[in-house]
Amino acid sequence: MSTMESEITWDQSRMEFQPVSMTVSHTGGMQFTAETSSGLTIPIDAHVHLGGGGKIPNPIEYLIASLGGCVGIKILLSLSDQRITPSLLTIRIQAERRQKLPAVFERVHLIITLSGLVGSDQISEIMTRTLTHLCPIAAMFAGVGNVTFEHHIRPDQNS
């Protein structure tokens, strides 16, 4: 365990080390349904240029959405540890792919916008921890490319 890892404190109940099991079945055309081990289903379609209908997300859209969801959850958990609930949290993601195969994401930039009793230094620290240690999806992106972030604190509309 590196020094950096030992410095990150995170509630043991929040650790996510369980394996993931899912079955993906072809449902016709270029569509599939993924079923989780708990019975939840996720519709999947190919990108339009690959023959998909464009009415449900494609795998790349789910991948980017997963990154945003993971980062958002970790931000909320970190803020809740400090008894802070933001009145607004949005995460805009700009992702650029390599222009040859495999077309992995070379650069991913997250733009976090928050309102509430959140300080700039506070969210910078939370984001650094989230992207380097707490969100496994962000860590996977960082393994193949550059992951960066910026944040904007807006006045709370409820004040």
N, C-alpha and C. Protein backbone atom coordinates (compact mmCIF):
# COMPACT_ATOMS: atom_id res chain seq x y z
N MET A 1 0.85 -1.18 0.00
CA MET A 1 0.00 0.00 0.00
C MET A 1 0.89 1.24 0.00
N SER A 2 0.63 2.12 -0.93
CA SER A 2 1.46 3.33 -1.02
C SER A 2 1.09 4.32 0.07
N THR A 3 1.96 5.27 0.30
CA THR A 3 1.71 6.30 1.30
C THR A 3 0.43 7.05 1.00
N MET A 4 0.23 7.39 -0.28
CA MET A 4 -0.96 8.14 -0.67
C MET A 4 -2.23 7.38 -0.29
N GLU A 5 -2.26 6.07 -0.56
CA GLU A 5 -3.45 5.28 -0.25
C GLU A 5 -3.72 5.25 1.25
N SER A 6 -2.68 5.16 2.07
CA SER A 6 -2.89 5.08 3.50
C SER A 6 -3.37 6.40 4.09
N GLU A 7 -3.17 7.51 3.38
CA GLU A 7 -3.61 8.81 3.87
C GLU A 7 -5.08 9.06 3.61
N ILE A 8 -5.69 8.28 2.73
CA ILE A 8 -7.10 8.47 2.39
C ILE A 8 -7.95 7.70 3.40
N THR A 9 -8.77 8.42 4.14
CA THR A 9 -9.68 7.77 5.06
C THR A 9 -11.06 7.70 4.41
N TRP A 10 -11.69 6.58 4.51
CA TRP A 10 -13.00 6.37 3.90
C TRP A 10 -13.69 5.30 4.72
N ASP A 11 -14.92 5.55 5.08
CA ASP A 11 -15.69 4.64 5.90
C ASP A 11 -15.71 3.25 5.27
N GLN A 12 -15.38 2.24 6.06
CA GLN A 12 -15.31 0.86 5.57
C GLN A 12 -16.62 0.41 4.92
N SER A 13 -17.76 0.91 5.41
CA SER A 13 -19.05 0.51 4.85
C SER A 13 -19.24 1.03 3.42
N ARG A 14 -18.42 1.98 3.02
CA ARG A 14 -18.52 2.55 1.66
C ARG A 14 -17.60 1.86 0.66
N MET A 15 -16.78 0.93 1.12
CA MET A 15 -15.85 0.25 0.23
C MET A 15 -16.63 -0.62 -0.75
N GLU A 16 -16.18 -0.64 -1.99
CA GLU A 16 -16.88 -1.35 -3.05
C GLU A 16 -15.95 -2.38 -3.68
N PHE A 17 -15.72 -3.48 -2.98
CA PHE A 17 -14.79 -4.47 -3.48
C PHE A 17 -15.48 -5.72 -4.00
N GLN A 18 -16.80 -5.72 -4.03
CA GLN A 18 -17.53 -6.90 -4.47
C GLN A 18 -17.42 -7.08 -5.98
N PRO A 19 -17.35 -8.34 -6.43
CA PRO A 19 -17.35 -8.57 -7.88
C PRO A 19 -18.70 -8.17 -8.47
N VAL A 20 -18.72 -7.93 -9.75
CA VAL A 20 -19.95 -7.54 -10.45
C VAL A 20 -20.30 -8.66 -11.41
N SER A 21 -21.57 -9.04 -11.41
CA SER A 21 -22.05 -10.08 -12.31
C SER A 21 -23.22 -9.51 -13.11
N MET A 22 -23.18 -9.68 -14.42
CA MET A 22 -24.21 -9.14 -15.29
C MET A 22 -24.32 -10.02 -16.52
N THR A 23 -25.52 -10.15 -17.05
CA THR A 23 -25.74 -10.90 -18.29
C THR A 23 -26.28 -9.93 -19.33
N VAL A 24 -25.66 -9.90 -20.49
CA VAL A 24 -26.09 -9.03 -21.58
C VAL A 24 -26.65 -9.92 -22.69
N SER A 25 -27.92 -9.67 -23.05
CA SER A 25 -28.60 -10.50 -24.05
C SER A 25 -29.05 -9.66 -25.24
N HIS A 26 -28.87 -10.21 -26.43
CA HIS A 26 -29.32 -9.56 -27.65
C HIS A 26 -30.84 -9.60 -27.69
N THR A 27 -31.48 -8.46 -27.97
CA THR A 27 -32.94 -8.40 -27.97
C THR A 27 -33.51 -8.07 -29.34
N GLY A 28 -32.66 -7.97 -30.35
CA GLY A 28 -33.12 -7.69 -31.71
C GLY A 28 -32.44 -6.47 -32.28
N GLY A 29 -32.32 -6.42 -33.58
CA GLY A 29 -31.66 -5.30 -34.23
C GLY A 29 -30.26 -5.14 -33.67
N MET A 30 -29.94 -3.94 -33.25
CA MET A 30 -28.64 -3.66 -32.63
C MET A 30 -28.80 -3.38 -31.14
N GLN A 31 -29.88 -3.92 -30.55
CA GLN A 31 -30.17 -3.66 -29.14
C GLN A 31 -29.88 -4.88 -28.27
N PHE A 32 -29.54 -4.56 -27.02
CA PHE A 32 -29.26 -5.57 -26.01
C PHE A 32 -29.92 -5.13 -24.71
N THR A 33 -30.06 -6.05 -23.79
CA THR A 33 -30.48 -5.73 -22.44
C THR A 33 -29.47 -6.35 -21.48
N ALA A 34 -28.95 -5.52 -20.60
CA ALA A 34 -28.06 -6.01 -19.55
C ALA A 34 -28.92 -6.23 -18.32
N GLU A 35 -28.74 -7.37 -17.67
CA GLU A 35 -29.47 -7.67 -16.44
C GLU A 35 -28.47 -7.88 -15.31
N THR A 36 -28.65 -7.11 -14.25
CA THR A 36 -27.76 -7.22 -13.10
C THR A 36 -28.12 -8.46 -12.29
N SER A 37 -27.25 -8.83 -11.38
CA SER A 37 -27.52 -9.99 -10.53
C SER A 37 -28.72 -9.75 -9.62
N SER A 38 -29.10 -8.49 -9.40
CA SER A 38 -30.28 -8.20 -8.58
C SER A 38 -31.55 -8.07 -9.41
N GLY A 39 -31.46 -8.28 -10.73
CA GLY A 39 -32.63 -8.27 -11.58
C GLY A 39 -32.95 -6.95 -12.25
N LEU A 40 -32.14 -5.91 -12.03
CA LEU A 40 -32.34 -4.65 -12.73
C LEU A 40 -31.94 -4.82 -14.20
N THR A 41 -32.63 -4.12 -15.10
CA THR A 41 -32.29 -4.22 -16.51
C THR A 41 -31.88 -2.85 -17.06
N ILE A 42 -30.95 -2.90 -17.98
CA ILE A 42 -30.41 -1.69 -18.60
C ILE A 42 -30.48 -1.89 -20.11
N PRO A 43 -31.29 -1.07 -20.81
CA PRO A 43 -31.34 -1.20 -22.27
C PRO A 43 -30.10 -0.59 -22.90
N ILE A 44 -29.62 -1.21 -23.97
CA ILE A 44 -28.42 -0.75 -24.66
C ILE A 44 -28.69 -0.80 -26.16
N ASP A 45 -28.24 0.23 -26.87
CA ASP A 45 -28.36 0.26 -28.32
C ASP A 45 -27.01 0.64 -28.90
N ALA A 46 -26.79 0.28 -30.14
CA ALA A 46 -25.58 0.71 -30.83
C ALA A 46 -25.70 2.20 -31.15
N HIS A 47 -24.57 2.85 -31.36
CA HIS A 47 -24.58 4.24 -31.81
C HIS A 47 -25.31 4.29 -33.14
N VAL A 48 -25.94 5.40 -33.45
CA VAL A 48 -26.72 5.54 -34.68
C VAL A 48 -25.90 5.19 -35.92
N HIS A 49 -24.64 5.64 -35.97
CA HIS A 49 -23.83 5.36 -37.17
C HIS A 49 -23.48 3.88 -37.31
N LEU A 50 -23.75 3.09 -36.27
CA LEU A 50 -23.52 1.65 -36.32
C LEU A 50 -24.82 0.87 -36.47
N GLY A 51 -25.91 1.58 -36.72
CA GLY A 51 -27.19 0.91 -36.94
C GLY A 51 -28.16 1.00 -35.79
N GLY A 52 -27.81 1.72 -34.75
CA GLY A 52 -28.72 1.87 -33.61
C GLY A 52 -29.82 2.87 -33.92
N GLY A 53 -30.88 2.82 -33.13
CA GLY A 53 -32.02 3.68 -33.37
C GLY A 53 -31.92 5.06 -32.75
N GLY A 54 -31.00 5.26 -31.81
CA GLY A 54 -30.82 6.57 -31.20
C GLY A 54 -31.85 6.91 -30.13
N LYS A 55 -32.63 5.93 -29.68
CA LYS A 55 -33.68 6.21 -28.69
C LYS A 55 -33.27 5.80 -27.27
N ILE A 56 -32.25 4.99 -27.15
CA ILE A 56 -31.72 4.60 -25.83
C ILE A 56 -30.20 4.74 -25.88
N PRO A 57 -29.56 4.88 -24.72
CA PRO A 57 -28.11 5.12 -24.70
C PRO A 57 -27.31 3.97 -25.32
N ASN A 58 -26.16 4.36 -25.87
CA ASN A 58 -25.21 3.37 -26.38
C ASN A 58 -24.14 3.12 -25.31
N PRO A 59 -23.31 2.10 -25.48
CA PRO A 59 -22.32 1.76 -24.45
C PRO A 59 -21.40 2.91 -24.04
N ILE A 60 -20.97 3.74 -24.99
CA ILE A 60 -20.08 4.84 -24.65
C ILE A 60 -20.81 5.87 -23.79
N GLU A 61 -22.07 6.14 -24.12
CA GLU A 61 -22.86 7.08 -23.31
C GLU A 61 -23.03 6.55 -21.89
N TYR A 62 -23.28 5.25 -21.75
CA TYR A 62 -23.37 4.66 -20.41
C TYR A 62 -22.04 4.77 -19.66
N LEU A 63 -20.94 4.58 -20.36
CA LEU A 63 -19.63 4.68 -19.73
C LEU A 63 -19.40 6.07 -19.15
N ILE A 64 -19.68 7.10 -19.95
CA ILE A 64 -19.49 8.48 -19.49
C ILE A 64 -20.49 8.80 -18.37
N ALA A 65 -21.73 8.33 -18.51
CA ALA A 65 -22.73 8.54 -17.45
C ALA A 65 -22.29 7.86 -16.16
N SER A 66 -21.68 6.69 -16.27
CA SER A 66 -21.18 5.98 -15.09
C SER A 66 -20.10 6.78 -14.38
N LEU A 67 -19.22 7.38 -15.16
CA LEU A 67 -18.19 8.24 -14.57
C LEU A 67 -18.83 9.39 -13.80
N GLY A 68 -19.76 10.09 -14.43
CA GLY A 68 -20.43 11.21 -13.77
C GLY A 68 -21.19 10.78 -12.53
N GLY A 69 -21.88 9.66 -12.61
CA GLY A 69 -22.63 9.15 -11.45
C GLY A 69 -21.72 8.78 -10.31
N CYS A 70 -20.63 8.09 -10.62
CA CYS A 70 -19.67 7.69 -9.58
C CYS A 70 -19.06 8.91 -8.90
N VAL A 71 -18.61 9.87 -9.69
CA VAL A 71 -18.01 11.09 -9.13
C VAL A 71 -19.04 11.83 -8.28
N GLY A 72 -20.27 11.96 -8.79
CA GLY A 72 -21.32 12.66 -8.05
C GLY A 72 -21.62 12.02 -6.71
N ILE A 73 -21.73 10.70 -6.69
CA ILE A 73 -22.00 9.97 -5.44
C ILE A 73 -20.87 10.20 -4.45
N LYS A 74 -19.63 10.10 -4.90
CA LYS A 74 -18.49 10.28 -4.00
C LYS A 74 -18.41 11.71 -3.47
N ILE A 75 -18.75 12.70 -4.31
CA ILE A 75 -18.79 14.09 -3.84
C ILE A 75 -19.83 14.23 -2.74
N LEU A 76 -21.04 13.72 -2.99
CA LEU A 76 -22.11 13.84 -1.99
C LEU A 76 -21.74 13.15 -0.68
N LEU A 77 -21.13 11.97 -0.76
CA LEU A 77 -20.72 11.28 0.46
C LEU A 77 -19.67 12.08 1.22
N SER A 78 -18.69 12.61 0.49
CA SER A 78 -17.64 13.41 1.14
C SER A 78 -18.21 14.67 1.78
N LEU A 79 -19.13 15.33 1.10
CA LEU A 79 -19.76 16.52 1.67
C LEU A 79 -20.63 16.17 2.86
N SER A 80 -21.34 15.04 2.78
CA SER A 80 -22.20 14.65 3.91
C SER A 80 -21.38 14.36 5.15
N ASP A 81 -20.14 13.89 4.98
CA ASP A 81 -19.26 13.69 6.14
C ASP A 81 -18.99 15.00 6.86
N GLN A 82 -19.10 16.11 6.12
CA GLN A 82 -18.89 17.43 6.69
C GLN A 82 -20.23 18.12 6.97
N ARG A 83 -21.29 17.33 6.95
CA ARG A 83 -22.66 17.80 7.20
C ARG A 83 -23.09 18.90 6.23
N ILE A 84 -22.70 18.72 4.97
CA ILE A 84 -23.06 19.68 3.92
C ILE A 84 -23.88 18.96 2.86
N THR A 85 -25.01 19.54 2.52
CA THR A 85 -25.84 19.05 1.42
C THR A 85 -25.95 20.18 0.41
N PRO A 86 -25.34 20.01 -0.75
CA PRO A 86 -25.41 21.11 -1.74
C PRO A 86 -26.83 21.26 -2.28
N SER A 87 -27.22 22.48 -2.58
CA SER A 87 -28.53 22.71 -3.17
C SER A 87 -28.48 22.48 -4.68
N LEU A 88 -27.28 22.44 -5.25
CA LEU A 88 -27.09 22.18 -6.67
C LEU A 88 -25.78 21.43 -6.85
N LEU A 89 -25.80 20.40 -7.65
CA LEU A 89 -24.58 19.69 -8.03
C LEU A 89 -24.77 19.21 -9.46
N THR A 90 -23.97 19.73 -10.37
CA THR A 90 -23.96 19.23 -11.74
C THR A 90 -22.54 18.89 -12.13
N ILE A 91 -22.41 17.90 -12.97
CA ILE A 91 -21.10 17.47 -13.45
C ILE A 91 -21.19 17.40 -14.97
N ARG A 92 -20.49 18.29 -15.63
CA ARG A 92 -20.42 18.27 -17.10
C ARG A 92 -19.14 17.57 -17.48
N ILE A 93 -19.20 16.67 -18.43
CA ILE A 93 -18.03 15.88 -18.80
C ILE A 93 -17.72 16.11 -20.27
N GLN A 94 -16.48 16.46 -20.54
CA GLN A 94 -15.98 16.60 -21.91
C GLN A 94 -14.91 15.53 -22.08
N ALA A 95 -15.15 14.60 -22.99
CA ALA A 95 -14.23 13.48 -23.17
C ALA A 95 -13.77 13.40 -24.62
N GLU A 96 -12.46 13.33 -24.82
CA GLU A 96 -11.88 13.24 -26.16
C GLU A 96 -11.23 11.88 -26.35
N ARG A 97 -11.54 11.27 -27.50
CA ARG A 97 -11.03 9.94 -27.79
C ARG A 97 -9.82 10.00 -28.72
N ARG A 98 -8.99 9.01 -28.56
CA ARG A 98 -7.84 8.84 -29.45
C ARG A 98 -8.38 8.58 -30.86
N GLN A 99 -7.72 9.10 -31.86
CA GLN A 99 -8.20 9.00 -33.24
C GLN A 99 -7.67 7.79 -33.98
N LYS A 100 -7.35 6.74 -33.24
CA LYS A 100 -6.99 5.44 -33.83
C LYS A 100 -7.44 4.36 -32.87
N LEU A 101 -7.50 3.16 -33.36
CA LEU A 101 -7.98 2.05 -32.53
C LEU A 101 -6.89 1.53 -31.62
N PRO A 102 -7.21 1.18 -30.40
CA PRO A 102 -8.51 1.35 -29.77
C PRO A 102 -8.75 2.82 -29.43
N ALA A 103 -9.94 3.29 -29.68
CA ALA A 103 -10.29 4.71 -29.51
C ALA A 103 -10.62 5.01 -28.06
N VAL A 104 -9.63 4.80 -27.18
CA VAL A 104 -9.82 5.06 -25.75
C VAL A 104 -9.90 6.57 -25.51
N PHE A 105 -10.37 6.93 -24.35
CA PHE A 105 -10.48 8.35 -24.00
C PHE A 105 -9.12 8.83 -23.52
N GLU A 106 -8.53 9.75 -24.28
CA GLU A 106 -7.22 10.30 -23.94
C GLU A 106 -7.32 11.43 -22.93
N ARG A 107 -8.39 12.21 -23.04
CA ARG A 107 -8.58 13.35 -22.14
C ARG A 107 -10.02 13.38 -21.68
N VAL A 108 -10.18 13.49 -20.38
CA VAL A 108 -11.51 13.63 -19.79
C VAL A 108 -11.44 14.81 -18.83
N HIS A 109 -12.35 15.76 -19.02
CA HIS A 109 -12.38 16.94 -18.17
C HIS A 109 -13.77 17.05 -17.55
N LEU A 110 -13.81 17.17 -16.24
CA LEU A 110 -15.07 17.30 -15.51
C LEU A 110 -15.22 18.74 -15.03
N ILE A 111 -16.41 19.28 -15.23
CA ILE A 111 -16.72 20.63 -14.76
C ILE A 111 -17.82 20.49 -13.72
N ILE A 112 -17.47 20.72 -12.46
CA ILE A 112 -18.39 20.54 -11.34
C ILE A 112 -18.93 21.90 -10.95
N THR A 113 -20.24 21.99 -10.86
CA THR A 113 -20.88 23.21 -10.40
C THR A 113 -21.69 22.89 -9.16
N LEU A 114 -21.45 23.68 -8.10
CA LEU A 114 -22.12 23.46 -6.82
C LEU A 114 -22.71 24.75 -6.28
N SER A 115 -23.77 24.60 -5.52
CA SER A 115 -24.31 25.70 -4.71
C SER A 115 -24.51 25.14 -3.31
N GLY A 116 -24.39 26.00 -2.35
CA GLY A 116 -24.53 25.59 -0.96
C GLY A 116 -23.32 26.05 -0.17
N LEU A 117 -23.18 25.55 1.00
CA LEU A 117 -22.08 25.96 1.88
C LEU A 117 -20.82 25.16 1.57
N VAL A 118 -20.32 25.30 0.35
CA VAL A 118 -19.15 24.57 -0.09
C VAL A 118 -18.07 25.57 -0.44
N GLY A 119 -16.86 25.34 0.08
CA GLY A 119 -15.73 26.21 -0.23
C GLY A 119 -14.91 25.68 -1.39
N SER A 120 -14.22 26.56 -2.07
CA SER A 120 -13.42 26.19 -3.23
C SER A 120 -12.31 25.19 -2.88
N ASP A 121 -11.56 25.47 -1.80
CA ASP A 121 -10.50 24.55 -1.39
C ASP A 121 -11.08 23.20 -0.99
N GLN A 122 -12.21 23.23 -0.36
CA GLN A 122 -12.89 22.03 0.10
C GLN A 122 -13.24 21.13 -1.09
N ILE A 123 -13.85 21.69 -2.13
CA ILE A 123 -14.24 20.87 -3.27
C ILE A 123 -13.02 20.42 -4.07
N SER A 124 -11.97 21.22 -4.12
CA SER A 124 -10.73 20.80 -4.79
C SER A 124 -10.16 19.56 -4.13
N GLU A 125 -10.13 19.56 -2.81
CA GLU A 125 -9.61 18.40 -2.07
C GLU A 125 -10.50 17.18 -2.30
N ILE A 126 -11.80 17.37 -2.23
CA ILE A 126 -12.75 16.26 -2.45
C ILE A 126 -12.57 15.70 -3.86
N MET A 127 -12.46 16.57 -4.86
CA MET A 127 -12.33 16.10 -6.24
C MET A 127 -11.02 15.36 -6.46
N THR A 128 -9.94 15.84 -5.89
CA THR A 128 -8.67 15.15 -6.03
C THR A 128 -8.76 13.75 -5.44
N ARG A 129 -9.32 13.63 -4.24
CA ARG A 129 -9.50 12.31 -3.61
C ARG A 129 -10.42 11.42 -4.44
N THR A 130 -11.49 12.02 -4.94
CA THR A 130 -12.46 11.26 -5.71
C THR A 130 -11.84 10.69 -6.98
N LEU A 131 -11.14 11.53 -7.73
CA LEU A 131 -10.59 11.10 -9.01
C LEU A 131 -9.40 10.16 -8.87
N THR A 132 -8.66 10.26 -7.77
CA THR A 132 -7.47 9.42 -7.63
C THR A 132 -7.70 8.16 -6.80
N HIS A 133 -8.69 8.17 -5.91
CA HIS A 133 -8.84 7.03 -5.01
C HIS A 133 -10.27 6.50 -4.85
N LEU A 134 -11.23 7.38 -4.80
CA LEU A 134 -12.56 6.96 -4.37
C LEU A 134 -13.47 6.46 -5.50
N CYS A 135 -13.32 6.99 -6.69
CA CYS A 135 -14.16 6.57 -7.82
C CYS A 135 -13.35 5.63 -8.72
N PRO A 136 -13.66 4.33 -8.69
CA PRO A 136 -12.88 3.40 -9.51
C PRO A 136 -13.02 3.65 -11.01
N ILE A 137 -14.13 4.22 -11.43
CA ILE A 137 -14.32 4.51 -12.85
C ILE A 137 -13.36 5.61 -13.28
N ALA A 138 -13.24 6.67 -12.47
CA ALA A 138 -12.29 7.75 -12.76
C ALA A 138 -10.86 7.21 -12.79
N ALA A 139 -10.54 6.33 -11.87
CA ALA A 139 -9.19 5.75 -11.82
C ALA A 139 -8.90 4.94 -13.09
N MET A 140 -9.91 4.25 -13.61
CA MET A 140 -9.71 3.50 -14.86
C MET A 140 -9.46 4.45 -16.03
N PHE A 141 -10.24 5.54 -16.10
CA PHE A 141 -10.00 6.54 -17.15
C PHE A 141 -8.59 7.11 -17.02
N ALA A 142 -8.17 7.41 -15.81
CA ALA A 142 -6.84 7.98 -15.58
C ALA A 142 -5.73 7.01 -15.97
N GLY A 143 -6.04 5.71 -15.95
CA GLY A 143 -5.06 4.70 -16.33
C GLY A 143 -4.71 4.74 -17.82
N VAL A 144 -5.57 5.33 -18.64
CA VAL A 144 -5.31 5.37 -20.08
C VAL A 144 -5.24 6.79 -20.64
N GLY A 145 -5.53 7.78 -19.81
CA GLY A 145 -5.53 9.15 -20.32
C GLY A 145 -5.39 10.16 -19.19
N ASN A 146 -5.64 11.39 -19.52
CA ASN A 146 -5.51 12.49 -18.58
C ASN A 146 -6.90 12.90 -18.09
N VAL A 147 -7.12 12.85 -16.79
CA VAL A 147 -8.40 13.24 -16.20
C VAL A 147 -8.19 14.50 -15.38
N THR A 148 -8.93 15.55 -15.72
CA THR A 148 -8.79 16.83 -15.02
C THR A 148 -10.17 17.32 -14.60
N PHE A 149 -10.16 18.34 -13.75
CA PHE A 149 -11.44 18.91 -13.32
C PHE A 149 -11.28 20.40 -13.06
N GLU A 150 -12.41 21.05 -13.08
CA GLU A 150 -12.52 22.43 -12.61
C GLU A 150 -13.84 22.50 -11.86
N HIS A 151 -13.97 23.50 -11.02
CA HIS A 151 -15.23 23.63 -10.29
C HIS A 151 -15.66 25.09 -10.22
N HIS A 152 -16.96 25.24 -10.07
CA HIS A 152 -17.57 26.55 -9.95
C HIS A 152 -18.52 26.51 -8.76
N ILE A 153 -18.38 27.46 -7.85
CA ILE A 153 -19.27 27.57 -6.71
C ILE A 153 -20.24 28.72 -7.01
N ARG A 154 -21.51 28.41 -7.02
CA ARG A 154 -22.53 29.44 -7.28
C ARG A 154 -23.19 29.80 -5.96
N PRO A 155 -23.65 31.05 -5.86
CA PRO A 155 -24.40 31.43 -4.66
C PRO A 155 -25.62 30.53 -4.50
N ASP A 156 -25.91 30.18 -3.28
CA ASP A 156 -27.07 29.34 -3.00
C ASP A 156 -28.33 30.11 -3.31
N GLN A 157 -29.21 29.56 -4.12
CA GLN A 157 -30.45 30.21 -4.49
C GLN A 157 -31.43 30.29 -3.33
N ASN A 158 -31.21 29.46 -2.31
CA ASN A 158 -32.12 29.40 -1.16
C ASN A 158 -31.74 30.39 -0.07
N SER A 159 -30.62 31.10 -0.24
CA SER A 159 -30.16 32.02 0.82
C SER A 159 -30.90 33.32 0.78
